[in-house]
C-alpha atoms as a PDB file:
ATOM      1  CA  MET A   1     103.438  93.676  75.979  1.00  0.00           C
ATOM      2  CA  THR A   2     105.241  97.008  76.099  1.00  0.00           C
ATOM      3  CA  ILE A   3     106.039  96.983  79.812  1.00  0.00           C
ATOM      4  CA  ASP A   4     107.645  93.823  81.173  1.00  0.00           C
ATOM      5  CA  ARG A   5     107.080  92.160  84.532  1.00  0.00           C
ATOM      6  CA  ASP A   6     109.929  94.213  86.022  1.00  0.00           C
ATOM      7  CA  ASN A   7     108.092  97.400  84.973  1.00  0.00           C
ATOM      8  CA  LEU A   8     110.819  98.157  82.449  1.00  0.00           C
ATOM      9  CA  ALA A   9     109.273  99.913  79.451  1.00  0.00           C
ATOM     10  CA  PRO A  10     110.875  99.822  75.988  1.00  0.00           C
ATOM     11  CA  ILE A  11     111.912 103.456  76.318  1.00  0.00           C
ATOM     12  CA  ALA A  12     113.820 102.597  79.510  1.00  0.00           C
ATOM     13  CA  ARG A  13     115.511  99.620  77.834  1.00  0.00           C
ATOM     14  CA  ARG A  14     116.587 101.845  74.950  1.00  0.00           C
ATOM     15  CA  GLN A  15     117.994 104.381  77.402  1.00  0.00           C
ATOM     16  CA  ARG A  16     119.885 101.630  79.226  1.00  0.00           C
ATOM     17  CA  ASP A  17     121.335 100.189  76.030  1.00  0.00           C
ATOM     18  CA  ALA A  18     122.431 103.605  74.740  1.00  0.00           C
ATOM     19  CA  LEU A  19     124.189 104.778  77.914  1.00  0.00           C
ATOM     20  CA  ARG A  20     127.253 106.922  77.265  1.00  0.00           C
ATOM     21  CA  PHE A  21     127.688 108.645  80.668  1.00  0.00           C
ATOM     22  CA  PRO A  22     128.883 112.110  79.570  1.00  0.00           C
ATOM     23  CA  LEU A  23     130.327 112.858  83.035  1.00  0.00           C
ATOM     24  CA  SER A  24     132.462 109.719  83.171  1.00  0.00           C
ATOM     25  CA  PHE A  25     136.233 109.877  83.214  1.00  0.00           C
ATOM     26  CA  GLY A  26     137.527 109.915  79.657  1.00  0.00           C
ATOM     27  CA  ALA A  27     134.320 111.370  78.249  1.00  0.00           C
ATOM     28  CA  ALA A  28     134.468 114.593  80.235  1.00  0.00           C
ATOM     29  CA  ALA A  29     138.277 114.949  80.533  1.00  0.00           C
ATOM     30  CA  THR A  30     141.482 112.998  80.013  1.00  0.00           C
ATOM     31  CA  ASP A  31     143.296 114.372  83.074  1.00  0.00           C
ATOM     32  CA  PHE A  32     142.076 112.681  86.242  1.00  0.00           C
ATOM     33  CA  ALA A  33     142.573 115.627  88.600  1.00  0.00           C
ATOM     34  CA  THR A  34     140.662 117.949  86.250  1.00  0.00           C
ATOM     35  CA  TRP A  35     137.879 115.409  85.819  1.00  0.00           C
ATOM     36  CA  ARG A  36     137.576 114.759  89.522  1.00  0.00           C
ATOM     37  CA  SER A  37     137.491 118.435  90.435  1.00  0.00           C
ATOM     38  CA  SER A  38     134.913 119.462  87.829  1.00  0.00           C
ATOM     39  CA  THR A  39     132.691 116.393  88.252  1.00  0.00           C
ATOM     40  CA  LEU A  40     132.717 116.611  92.040  1.00  0.00           C
ATOM     41  CA  ALA A  41     131.810 120.302  91.889  1.00  0.00           C
ATOM     42  CA  TYR A  42     128.913 119.494  89.555  1.00  0.00           C
ATOM     43  CA  ILE A  43     127.556 116.761  91.815  1.00  0.00           C
ATOM     44  CA  VAL A  44     127.913 118.754  95.023  1.00  0.00           C
ATOM     45  CA  GLN A  45     126.046 121.657  93.473  1.00  0.00           C
ATOM     46  CA  SER A  46     123.424 119.466  91.777  1.00  0.00           C
ATOM     47  CA  ILE A  47     122.396 117.555  94.900  1.00  0.00           C
ATOM     48  CA  ASP A  48     123.193 120.379  97.336  1.00  0.00           C
ATOM     49  CA  ALA A  49     125.527 117.953  99.078  1.00  0.00           C
ATOM     50  CA  ASP A  50     127.361 120.475 101.255  1.00  0.00           C
ATOM     51  CA  ALA A  51     124.235 122.333 102.396  1.00  0.00           C
ATOM     52  CA  CYS A  52     123.782 120.367 105.616  1.00  0.00           C
ATOM     53  CA  HIS A  53     125.595 120.229 108.942  1.00  0.00           C
ATOM     54  CA  VAL A  54     124.889 119.145 112.517  1.00  0.00           C
ATOM     55  CA  ASP A  55     123.881 122.257 114.445  1.00  0.00           C
ATOM     56  CA  ARG A  56     122.700 120.754 117.746  1.00  0.00           C
ATOM     57  CA  VAL A  57     123.662 117.686 119.763  1.00  0.00           C
ATOM     58  CA  GLU A  58     122.101 116.279 122.930  1.00  0.00           C
ATOM     59  CA  THR A  59     123.218 113.207 124.860  1.00  0.00           C
ATOM     60  CA  THR A  60     120.100 111.387 126.021  1.00  0.00           C
ATOM     61  CA  GLN A  61     121.585 108.141 127.405  1.00  0.00           C
ATOM     62  CA  GLN A  62     124.944 106.733 128.440  1.00  0.00           C
ATOM     63  CA  TRP A  63     126.103 103.210 129.281  1.00  0.00           C
ATOM     64  CA  GLN A  64     129.323 101.349 130.002  1.00  0.00           C
ATOM     65  CA  CYS A  65     130.673  98.211 128.335  1.00  0.00           C
ATOM     66  CA  SER A  66     133.901  96.323 128.762  1.00  0.00           C
ATOM     67  CA  SER A  67     135.839  98.163 126.046  1.00  0.00           C
ATOM     68  CA  TYR A  68     133.875 101.356 125.451  1.00  0.00           C
ATOM     69  CA  GLU A  69     131.399 103.933 126.716  1.00  0.00           C
ATOM     70  CA  GLY A  70     128.189 104.134 124.715  1.00  0.00           C
ATOM     71  CA  LYS A  71     126.098 107.241 124.149  1.00  0.00           C
ATOM     72  CA  ARG A  72     122.716 107.777 122.556  1.00  0.00           C
ATOM     73  CA  LEU A  73     122.713 111.155 120.830  1.00  0.00           C
ATOM     74  CA  SER A  74     119.991 113.307 119.357  1.00  0.00           C
ATOM     75  CA  LEU A  75     121.383 115.121 116.344  1.00  0.00           C
ATOM     76  CA  ARG A  76     119.671 118.069 114.733  1.00  0.00           C
ATOM     77  CA  PHE A  77     120.707 118.752 111.158  1.00  0.00           C
ATOM     78  CA  SER A  78     120.628 122.208 109.632  1.00  0.00           C
ATOM     79  CA  ASN A  79     117.958 120.980 107.198  1.00  0.00           C
ATOM     80  CA  GLY A  80     115.639 120.772 110.220  1.00  0.00           C
ATOM     81  CA  GLU A  81     115.740 116.976 110.511  1.00  0.00           C
ATOM     82  CA  GLU A  82     116.458 115.197 113.788  1.00  0.00           C
ATOM     83  CA  ALA A  83     118.010 111.762 114.092  1.00  0.00           C
ATOM     84  CA  GLN A  84     119.156 109.511 116.873  1.00  0.00           C
ATOM     85  CA  ALA A  85     122.692 108.168 116.785  1.00  0.00           C
ATOM     86  CA  PHE A  86     124.889 105.808 118.793  1.00  0.00           C
ATOM     87  CA  LEU A  87     128.430 106.867 119.615  1.00  0.00           C
ATOM     88  CA  LEU A  88     131.023 104.460 121.026  1.00  0.00           C
ATOM     89  CA  LEU A  89     134.079 105.891 122.800  1.00  0.00           C
ATOM     90  CA  PRO A  90     136.784 103.290 123.498  1.00  0.00           C
ATOM     91  CA  TYR A  91     138.730 103.269 126.760  1.00  0.00           C
ATOM     92  CA  ARG A  92     141.985 104.104 125.020  1.00  0.00           C
ATOM     93  CA  GLN A  93     144.216 107.052 124.384  1.00  0.00           C
ATOM     94  CA  THR A  94     142.666 109.796 122.299  1.00  0.00           C
ATOM     95  CA  PRO A  95     142.515 111.299 119.770  1.00  0.00           C
ATOM     96  CA  ALA A  96     141.739 107.968 118.114  1.00  0.00           C
ATOM     97  CA  PRO A  97     140.873 106.802 114.595  1.00  0.00           C
ATOM     98  CA  ALA A  98     137.145 106.724 113.901  1.00  0.00           C
ATOM     99  CA  LEU A  99     134.583 104.880 111.809  1.00  0.00           C
ATOM    100  CA  LEU A 100     131.342 106.280 110.439  1.00  0.00           C
ATOM    101  CA  MET A 101     129.316 103.062 110.331  1.00  0.00           C
ATOM    102  CA  LEU A 102     126.458 103.278 107.852  1.00  0.00           C
ATOM    103  CA  HIS A 103     123.577 100.869 108.339  1.00  0.00           C
ATOM    104  CA  ASP A 104     122.050  98.714 105.616  1.00  0.00           C
ATOM    105  CA  HIS A 105     118.539  98.809 104.145  1.00  0.00           C
ATOM    106  CA  GLY A 106     117.304  95.214 104.306  1.00  0.00           C
ATOM    107  CA  ALA A 107     113.625  96.226 103.943  1.00  0.00           C
ATOM    108  CA  THR A 108     113.565  96.301 107.755  1.00  0.00           C
ATOM    109  CA  PHE A 109     112.966  99.738 109.185  1.00  0.00           C
ATOM    110  CA  ASP A 110     112.393  99.420 112.939  1.00  0.00           C
ATOM    111  CA  ILE A 111     116.158  99.258 113.430  1.00  0.00           C
ATOM    112  CA  GLY A 112     118.838 101.367 111.757  1.00  0.00           C
ATOM    113  CA  LYS A 113     121.886 102.273 113.822  1.00  0.00           C
ATOM    114  CA  GLU A 114     121.083  99.170 115.878  1.00  0.00           C
ATOM    115  CA  LYS A 115     122.138  97.013 112.917  1.00  0.00           C
ATOM    116  CA  MET A 116     125.735  98.140 113.458  1.00  0.00           C
ATOM    117  CA  ILE A 117     125.881  99.019 117.160  1.00  0.00           C
ATOM    118  CA  PRO A 118     124.128  96.989 119.880  1.00  0.00           C
ATOM    119  CA  PRO A 119     121.508  98.989 121.754  1.00  0.00           C
ATOM    120  CA  PRO A 120     121.886  99.206 125.547  1.00  0.00           C
ATOM    121  CA  PHE A 121     120.365  96.516 127.724  1.00  0.00           C
ATOM    122  CA  GLY A 122     116.588  96.746 127.958  1.00  0.00           C
ATOM    123  CA  ASP A 123     116.118  98.662 124.712  1.00  0.00           C
ATOM    124  CA  PRO A 124     112.817  97.705 122.986  1.00  0.00           C
ATOM    125  CA  VAL A 125     114.605  96.713 119.764  1.00  0.00           C
ATOM    126  CA  GLN A 126     117.362  94.704 121.447  1.00  0.00           C
ATOM    127  CA  ASP A 127     115.971  91.360 120.276  1.00  0.00           C
ATOM    128  CA  ALA A 128     115.354  92.607 116.728  1.00  0.00           C
ATOM    129  CA  ALA A 129     118.945  93.832 116.529  1.00  0.00           C
ATOM    130  CA  GLN A 130     120.276  90.460 117.685  1.00  0.00           C
ATOM    131  CA  VAL A 131     118.210  88.660 115.050  1.00  0.00           C
ATOM    132  CA  TRP A 132     119.576  91.019 112.386  1.00  0.00           C
ATOM    133  CA  VAL A 133     123.249  90.505 113.193  1.00  0.00           C
ATOM    134  CA  LYS A 134     122.768  86.740 113.285  1.00  0.00           C
ATOM    135  CA  ARG A 135     121.249  86.908 109.809  1.00  0.00           C
ATOM    136  CA  PHE A 136     123.730  89.215 108.083  1.00  0.00           C
ATOM    137  CA  TYR A 137     126.767  89.792 110.305  1.00  0.00           C
ATOM    138  CA  GLY A 138     127.686  86.362 111.590  1.00  0.00           C
ATOM    139  CA  GLY A 139     126.157  87.087 115.012  1.00  0.00           C
ATOM    140  CA  ARG A 140     128.524  89.965 115.798  1.00  0.00           C
ATOM    141  CA  PHE A 141     127.905  93.705 115.783  1.00  0.00           C
ATOM    142  CA  PRO A 142     130.694  95.192 113.616  1.00  0.00           C
ATOM    143  CA  ALA A 143     130.939  98.279 115.827  1.00  0.00           C
ATOM    144  CA  GLU A 144     131.752  96.298 118.970  1.00  0.00           C
ATOM    145  CA  GLU A 145     134.771  94.737 117.318  1.00  0.00           C
ATOM    146  CA  ALA A 146     135.868  98.136 115.977  1.00  0.00           C
ATOM    147  CA  ALA A 147     135.504  99.791 119.391  1.00  0.00           C
ATOM    148  CA  GLY A 148     137.453  96.932 120.937  1.00  0.00           C
ATOM    149  CA  ARG A 149     140.269  97.776 118.531  1.00  0.00           C
ATOM    150  CA  GLY A 150     140.246 101.374 119.704  1.00  0.00           C
ATOM    151  CA  TYR A 151     138.070 103.066 117.095  1.00  0.00           C
ATOM    152  CA  VAL A 152     135.541 105.747 117.945  1.00  0.00           C
ATOM    153  CA  VAL A 153     132.345 104.649 116.169  1.00  0.00           C
ATOM    154  CA  LEU A 154     129.307 106.675 115.113  1.00  0.00           C
ATOM    155  CA  SER A 155     126.126 105.350 113.496  1.00  0.00           C
ATOM    156  CA  VAL A 156     123.148 107.574 112.678  1.00  0.00           C
ATOM    157  CA  ASP A 157     119.593 106.646 111.690  1.00  0.00           C
ATOM    158  CA  ALA A 158     118.966 107.516 108.049  1.00  0.00           C
ATOM    159  CA  LEU A 159     115.582 108.929 107.029  1.00  0.00           C
ATOM    160  CA  GLY A 160     113.153 105.996 107.191  1.00  0.00           C
ATOM    161  CA  TRP A 161     114.789 103.887 109.922  1.00  0.00           C
ATOM    162  CA  SER A 162     114.516 103.412 113.699  1.00  0.00           C
ATOM    163  CA  SER A 163     114.008 106.845 115.306  1.00  0.00           C
ATOM    164  CA  ARG A 164     112.964 108.094 111.845  1.00  0.00           C
ATOM    165  CA  CYS A 165     110.950 105.029 110.854  1.00  0.00           C
ATOM    166  CA  GLY A 166     108.407 105.458 108.070  1.00  0.00           C
ATOM    167  CA  ASN A 167     105.376 103.427 107.033  1.00  0.00           C
ATOM    168  CA  GLY A 168     107.038 100.328 105.645  1.00  0.00           C
ATOM    169  CA  TYR A 169     108.392  99.035 102.365  1.00  0.00           C
ATOM    170  CA  GLU A 170     105.462 100.023 100.156  1.00  0.00           C
ATOM    171  CA  ALA A 171     105.572 103.615 101.435  1.00  0.00           C
ATOM    172  CA  GLN A 172     109.084 104.304 100.173  1.00  0.00           C
ATOM    173  CA  GLN A 173     107.898 105.506  96.773  1.00  0.00           C
ATOM    174  CA  ALA A 174     105.497 107.960  98.403  1.00  0.00           C
ATOM    175  CA  LEU A 175     108.299 109.237 100.630  1.00  0.00           C
ATOM    176  CA  ALA A 176     110.490 109.771  97.569  1.00  0.00           C
ATOM    177  CA  ALA A 177     107.674 111.312  95.505  1.00  0.00           C
ATOM    178  CA  ASN A 178     106.726 113.752  98.263  1.00  0.00           C
ATOM    179  CA  LEU A 179     110.299 115.047  98.373  1.00  0.00           C
ATOM    180  CA  MET A 180     110.472 115.255  94.580  1.00  0.00           C
ATOM    181  CA  GLN A 181     107.522 117.649  94.604  1.00  0.00           C
ATOM    182  CA  PHE A 182     110.026 120.187  95.922  1.00  0.00           C
ATOM    183  CA  GLY A 183     112.964 119.193  93.748  1.00  0.00           C
ATOM    184  CA  VAL A 184     114.609 117.156  96.519  1.00  0.00           C
ATOM    185  CA  SER A 185     115.605 113.520  96.062  1.00  0.00           C
ATOM    186  CA  LEU A 186     115.540 110.961  98.855  1.00  0.00           C
ATOM    187  CA  ALA A 187     119.062 109.940  97.855  1.00  0.00           C
ATOM    188  CA  SER A 188     120.350 113.492  98.261  1.00  0.00           C
ATOM    189  CA  VAL A 189     118.920 113.736 101.797  1.00  0.00           C
ATOM    190  CA  VAL A 190     120.863 110.596 102.776  1.00  0.00           C
ATOM    191  CA  ALA A 191     124.021 111.857 101.060  1.00  0.00           C
ATOM    192  CA  MET A 192     123.999 115.315 102.634  1.00  0.00           C
ATOM    193  CA  GLU A 193     123.281 113.932 106.109  1.00  0.00           C
ATOM    194  CA  ASP A 194     126.068 111.343 105.789  1.00  0.00           C
ATOM    195  CA  ILE A 195     128.455 114.155 104.841  1.00  0.00           C
ATOM    196  CA  ALA A 196     127.279 116.158 107.856  1.00  0.00           C
ATOM    197  CA  ALA A 197     127.716 113.120 110.124  1.00  0.00           C
ATOM    198  CA  ALA A 198     131.260 112.634 108.823  1.00  0.00           C
ATOM    199  CA  ARG A 199     132.117 116.247 109.653  1.00  0.00           C
ATOM    200  CA  PHE A 200     130.528 115.927 113.105  1.00  0.00           C
ATOM    201  CA  LEU A 201     132.555 112.769 113.812  1.00  0.00           C
ATOM    202  CA  ALA A 202     135.808 114.302 112.570  1.00  0.00           C
ATOM    203  CA  ASP A 203     135.282 117.343 114.795  1.00  0.00           C
ATOM    204  CA  LEU A 204     134.876 115.351 118.022  1.00  0.00           C
ATOM    205  CA  PRO A 205     137.745 115.996 120.451  1.00  0.00           C
ATOM    206  CA  GLU A 206     138.201 112.233 120.940  1.00  0.00           C
ATOM    207  CA  VAL A 207     138.855 111.745 117.194  1.00  0.00           C
ATOM    208  CA  ASP A 208     141.982 112.154 115.091  1.00  0.00           C
ATOM    209  CA  ARG A 209     140.355 113.887 112.132  1.00  0.00           C
ATOM    210  CA  ARG A 210     143.083 112.664 109.769  1.00  0.00           C
ATOM    211  CA  ARG A 211     142.010 109.050 110.400  1.00  0.00           C
ATOM    212  CA  VAL A 212     138.249 108.881 109.815  1.00  0.00           C
ATOM    213  CA  ALA A 213     136.838 106.123 107.600  1.00  0.00           C
ATOM    214  CA  SER A 214     133.374 105.174 106.363  1.00  0.00           C
ATOM    215  CA  PHE A 215     132.228 101.567 106.685  1.00  0.00           C
ATOM    216  CA  GLY A 216     129.065  99.808 105.571  1.00  0.00           C
ATOM    217  CA  PHE A 217     127.351  96.727 104.149  1.00  0.00           C
ATOM    218  CA  SER A 218     124.717  96.625 101.367  1.00  0.00           C
ATOM    219  CA  PHE A 219     122.997 100.036 101.273  1.00  0.00           C
ATOM    220  CA  GLY A 220     125.559 100.988 103.904  1.00  0.00           C
ATOM    221  CA  GLY A 221     128.276  99.954 101.444  1.00  0.00           C
ATOM    222  CA  TYR A 222     126.810 102.265  98.814  1.00  0.00           C
ATOM    223  CA  ARG A 223     126.727 105.048 101.379  1.00  0.00           C
ATOM    224  CA  ALA A 224     130.320 104.287 102.421  1.00  0.00           C
ATOM    225  CA  TRP A 225     131.810 104.875  98.975  1.00  0.00           C
ATOM    226  CA  GLN A 226     129.420 107.731  98.268  1.00  0.00           C
ATOM    227  CA  VAL A 227     130.396 109.735 101.363  1.00  0.00           C
ATOM    228  CA  ALA A 228     134.070 108.952 100.710  1.00  0.00           C
ATOM    229  CA  ALA A 229     133.669 110.449  97.242  1.00  0.00           C
ATOM    230  CA  LEU A 230     131.856 113.551  98.467  1.00  0.00           C
ATOM    231  CA  SER A 231     133.438 114.325 101.848  1.00  0.00           C
ATOM    232  CA  THR A 232     136.919 115.645 102.584  1.00  0.00           C
ATOM    233  CA  ASP A 233     136.511 114.353 106.143  1.00  0.00           C
ATOM    234  CA  ILE A 234     136.656 110.699 105.050  1.00  0.00           C
ATOM    235  CA  ALA A 235     140.199 109.415 104.596  1.00  0.00           C
ATOM    236  CA  ALA A 236     139.409 105.778 103.700  1.00  0.00           C
ATOM    237  CA  PHE A 237     136.421 103.482 103.309  1.00  0.00           C
ATOM    238  CA  CYS A 238     135.144  99.903 103.345  1.00  0.00           C
ATOM    239  CA  ALA A 239     132.211  99.260 101.008  1.00  0.00           C
ATOM    240  CA  ILE A 240     130.741  95.775 101.321  1.00  0.00           C
ATOM    241  CA  SER A 241     128.197  94.203  98.947  1.00  0.00           C
ATOM    242  CA  TRP A 242     127.184  97.193  96.864  1.00  0.00           C
ATOM    243  CA  MET A 243     128.879  97.740  93.553  1.00  0.00           C
ATOM    244  CA  GLY A 244     127.997  97.195  89.911  1.00  0.00           C
ATOM    245  CA  THR A 245     127.468  98.981  86.631  1.00  0.00           C
ATOM    246  CA  LEU A 246     124.117 100.612  85.949  1.00  0.00           C
ATOM    247  CA  GLU A 247     123.650  98.600  82.751  1.00  0.00           C
ATOM    248  CA  GLY A 248     124.386  95.379  84.608  1.00  0.00           C
ATOM    249  CA  LEU A 249     122.024  96.151  87.470  1.00  0.00           C
ATOM    250  CA  MET A 250     119.165  97.222  85.179  1.00  0.00           C
ATOM    251  CA  GLN A 251     118.487  93.666  84.021  1.00  0.00           C
ATOM    252  CA  ALA A 252     115.557  91.294  84.544  1.00  0.00           C
ATOM    253  CA  GLY A 253     115.068  90.506  88.220  1.00  0.00           C
ATOM    254  CA  GLY A 254     117.405  93.238  89.365  1.00  0.00           C
ATOM    255  CA  ASN A 255     116.660  95.072  92.601  1.00  0.00           C
ATOM    256  CA  GLN A 256     117.126  98.440  90.895  1.00  0.00           C
ATOM    257  CA  LEU A 257     114.058  97.758  88.717  1.00  0.00           C
ATOM    258  CA  ARG A 258     111.643  97.473  91.630  1.00  0.00           C
ATOM    259  CA  GLY A 259     111.391 101.113  92.617  1.00  0.00           C
ATOM    260  CA  GLN A 260     110.882 101.395  96.377  1.00  0.00           C
ATOM    261  CA  SER A 261     114.362 100.999  97.920  1.00  0.00           C
ATOM    262  CA  ALA A 262     116.036 102.041  94.640  1.00  0.00           C
ATOM    263  CA  PHE A 263     115.006 105.643  95.327  1.00  0.00           C
ATOM    264  CA  TYR A 264     117.559 105.786  98.119  1.00  0.00           C
ATOM    265  CA  MET A 265     120.297 105.419  95.489  1.00  0.00           C
ATOM    266  CA  LEU A 266     118.758 107.475  92.689  1.00  0.00           C
ATOM    267  CA  HIS A 267     120.041 111.010  92.138  1.00  0.00           C
ATOM    268  CA  PRO A 268     117.910 112.371  89.263  1.00  0.00           C
ATOM    269  CA  GLN A 269     120.359 115.209  88.697  1.00  0.00           C
ATOM    270  CA  ILE A 270     123.197 112.851  87.763  1.00  0.00           C
ATOM    271  CA  ALA A 271     121.263 109.766  86.625  1.00  0.00           C
ATOM    272  CA  GLY A 272     122.491 108.537  83.250  1.00  0.00           C
ATOM    273  CA  LYS A 273     125.417 110.951  83.372  1.00  0.00           C
ATOM    274  CA  LEU A 274     127.739 109.036  85.707  1.00  0.00           C
ATOM    275  CA  ASP A 275     127.975 105.288  86.237  1.00  0.00           C
ATOM    276  CA  TYR A 276     128.290 103.835  89.744  1.00  0.00           C
ATOM    277  CA  PRO A 277     131.999 102.883  89.511  1.00  0.00           C
ATOM    278  CA  ASP A 278     132.835 106.356  88.169  1.00  0.00           C
ATOM    279  CA  PHE A 279     130.900 107.934  91.047  1.00  0.00           C
ATOM    280  CA  ALA A 280     132.887 105.789  93.482  1.00  0.00           C
ATOM    281  CA  GLY A 281     136.032 106.702  91.560  1.00  0.00           C
ATOM    282  CA  LEU A 282     135.660 110.287  92.710  1.00  0.00           C
ATOM    283  CA  ALA A 283     137.068 108.992  96.005  1.00  0.00           C
ATOM    284  CA  ALA A 284     140.359 108.014  94.321  1.00  0.00           C
ATOM    285  CA  PRO A 285     143.159 107.923  95.307  1.00  0.00           C
ATOM    286  CA  LYS A 286     141.837 107.438  98.858  1.00  0.00           C
ATOM    287  CA  PRO A 287     142.289 103.921 100.253  1.00  0.00           C
ATOM    288  CA  GLY A 288     139.193 101.896  99.404  1.00  0.00           C
ATOM    289  CA  TYR A 289     138.155  98.327 100.216  1.00  0.00           C
ATOM    290  CA  PHE A 290     135.432  96.715  98.092  1.00  0.00           C
ATOM    291  CA  LEU A 291     134.067  93.243  98.822  1.00  0.00           C
ATOM    292  CA  ASN A 292     131.250  91.349  97.108  1.00  0.00           C
ATOM    293  CA  GLY A 293     129.992  87.765  97.340  1.00  0.00           C
ATOM    294  CA  ARG A 294     130.095  85.597  94.213  1.00  0.00           C
ATOM    295  CA  GLU A 295     126.670  84.221  95.121  1.00  0.00           C
ATOM    296  CA  ASP A 296     125.097  87.617  95.862  1.00  0.00           C
ATOM    297  CA  ARG A 297     121.762  87.574  94.031  1.00  0.00           C
ATOM    298  CA  HIS A 298     121.553  91.385  94.061  1.00  0.00           C
ATOM    299  CA  PHE A 299     124.967  91.886  92.468  1.00  0.00           C
ATOM    300  CA  PRO A 300     125.831  89.199  89.883  1.00  0.00           C
ATOM    301  CA  ALA A 301     129.524  88.337  89.737  1.00  0.00           C
ATOM    302  CA  ALA A 302     130.002  89.486  86.124  1.00  0.00           C
ATOM    303  CA  VAL A 303     128.430  92.863  86.908  1.00  0.00           C
ATOM    304  CA  VAL A 304     130.671  93.305  89.946  1.00  0.00           C
ATOM    305  CA  GLU A 305     133.783  92.327  87.985  1.00  0.00           C
ATOM    306  CA  ALA A 306     132.986  94.888  85.281  1.00  0.00           C
ATOM    307  CA  ALA A 307     132.640  97.597  87.939  1.00  0.00           C
ATOM    308  CA  PHE A 308     135.840  96.472  89.668  1.00  0.00           C
ATOM    309  CA  ALA A 309     137.733  96.665  86.380  1.00  0.00           C
ATOM    310  CA  ARG A 310     136.504 100.202  85.798  1.00  0.00           C
ATOM    311  CA  MET A 311     137.481 101.298  89.304  1.00  0.00           C
ATOM    312  CA  GLY A 312     140.922  99.820  88.746  1.00  0.00           C
ATOM    313  CA  GLU A 313     141.272 102.141  85.753  1.00  0.00           C
ATOM    314  CA  LEU A 314     140.180 105.131  87.833  1.00  0.00           C
ATOM    315  CA  TRP A 315     142.489 104.486  90.785  1.00  0.00           C
ATOM    316  CA  SER A 316     145.325 103.889  88.320  1.00  0.00           C
ATOM    317  CA  ALA A 317     144.605 107.207  86.622  1.00  0.00           C
ATOM    318  CA  ALA A 318     144.668 108.846  90.060  1.00  0.00           C
ATOM    319  CA  GLN A 319     148.095 107.272  90.738  1.00  0.00           C
ATOM    320  CA  GLY A 320     146.573 105.384  93.654  1.00  0.00           C
ATOM    321  CA  ILE A 321     146.070 101.790  92.487  1.00  0.00           C
ATOM    322  CA  GLN A 322     148.103 100.606  95.488  1.00  0.00           C
ATOM    323  CA  ASN A 323     145.341 102.039  97.725  1.00  0.00           C
ATOM    324  CA  LEU A 324     142.540 100.026  96.111  1.00  0.00           C
ATOM    325  CA  ASN A 325     141.600  96.602  97.482  1.00  0.00           C
ATOM    326  CA  MET A 326     138.861  94.757  95.568  1.00  0.00           C
ATOM    327  CA  ALA A 327     137.912  91.223  96.532  1.00  0.00           C
ATOM    328  CA  THR A 328     135.168  88.642  96.153  1.00  0.00           C
ATOM    329  CA  TRP A 329     134.353  85.785  98.493  1.00  0.00           C
ATOM    330  CA  GLN A 330     132.406  82.586  98.000  1.00  0.00           C
ATOM    331  CA  GLY A 331     129.219  83.765  99.665  1.00  0.00           C
ATOM    332  CA  GLY A 332     126.008  85.679  99.252  1.00  0.00           C
ATOM    333  CA  HIS A 333     124.585  88.992 100.412  1.00  0.00           C
ATOM    334  CA  GLU A 334     126.020  88.995 103.925  1.00  0.00           C
ATOM    335  CA  PHE A 335     129.063  90.170 105.875  1.00  0.00           C
ATOM    336  CA  PRO A 336     130.322  87.304 108.066  1.00  0.00           C
ATOM    337  CA  VAL A 337     132.811  87.683 110.888  1.00  0.00           C
ATOM    338  CA  ILE A 338     135.801  86.417 108.921  1.00  0.00           C
ATOM    339  CA  GLU A 339     135.225  89.071 106.254  1.00  0.00           C
ATOM    340  CA  GLN A 340     134.615  91.746 108.882  1.00  0.00           C
ATOM    341  CA  ASN A 341     137.987  90.901 110.381  1.00  0.00           C
ATOM    342  CA  ALA A 342     139.666  91.136 106.982  1.00  0.00           C
ATOM    343  CA  ALA A 343     138.144  94.576 106.385  1.00  0.00           C
ATOM    344  CA  LEU A 344     139.071  95.854 109.838  1.00  0.00           C
ATOM    345  CA  ASN A 345     142.588  94.440 109.523  1.00  0.00           C
ATOM    346  CA  TRP A 346     142.943  96.368 106.273  1.00  0.00           C
ATOM    347  CA  LEU A 347     141.697  99.522 107.978  1.00  0.00           C
ATOM    348  CA  ASP A 348     144.169  98.985 110.816  1.00  0.00           C
ATOM    349  CA  THR A 349     146.963  98.946 108.254  1.00  0.00           C
ATOM    350  CA  VAL A 350     145.659 102.000 106.401  1.00  0.00           C
ATOM    351  CA  LEU A 351     144.764 104.181 109.401  1.00  0.00           C
ATOM    352  CA  ARG A 352     147.370 103.038 111.920  1.00  0.00           C
ATOM    353  CA  GLY A 353     150.255 101.862 109.753  1.00  0.00           C
END
């Protein structure tokens, strides 16, 4: 049998086993600053990462909670796309620190921003959002805790979720293929819109633009380190439950072998040229917080540890190892309240200390 049950053909296995990553630090340059500058310029140009911005904003709903004012926004991106977003403005002195909260994937598409920020009372997806946070977030919306601490919080629906919901799990490959017909990857759309959202958040009058961080779990964790690497508007980041080496993730049973959701993290222009920890390392020496569960079936512990070791080398080369916090906890693919508190406490120290 030439193609295994994970749809990995021998040619793909040979490619995996021969990976050299020509854009990685050490292969492309020995000086970190030179490597970071040239590699970042290559990626930004290759995926057209800086080609998008928010060019129109409309507030369509407002509501009051005990510690913040909530707003539903309609954002129009310069690529022509429109997305709904939730913005939380705490009742505290401004300008304030801010978090770009990036929602997860979870193969559940009727909610997006609502996975991080509770929708207002009476919203049609209110119950679905509550079920989601009980399953993955210990029953608490991360954004409510952050707003209670005085952070401005923004969460935007990515292409395929909530206000931009597609046709389900099995339609993801068609969505990706239809964009590829025009030389556009699904991953690049997410990346460029996250960069645009970071700039929009930093530019808000209520926000101290020097203290904007990205924050996410699972696919949101991937997006958190990705936007930190690509955006000058992100000063720090928390990336939960998404890190590993490509070789380690391209093994039997791995989620990256299934297609479908993997397209959201696949940049054809840089695939095979830069490993995931080196991509994240483009954020160095910014403060970064990585957390993975030892029992996470999507990210085996040995694969995570190999990626953590590589990122330690990169932050050290950037003279910023003191800014890097990498931890594992005895759990699975989830982000419970105790770990949320640890991440937010770290952010408090980084952004307020």
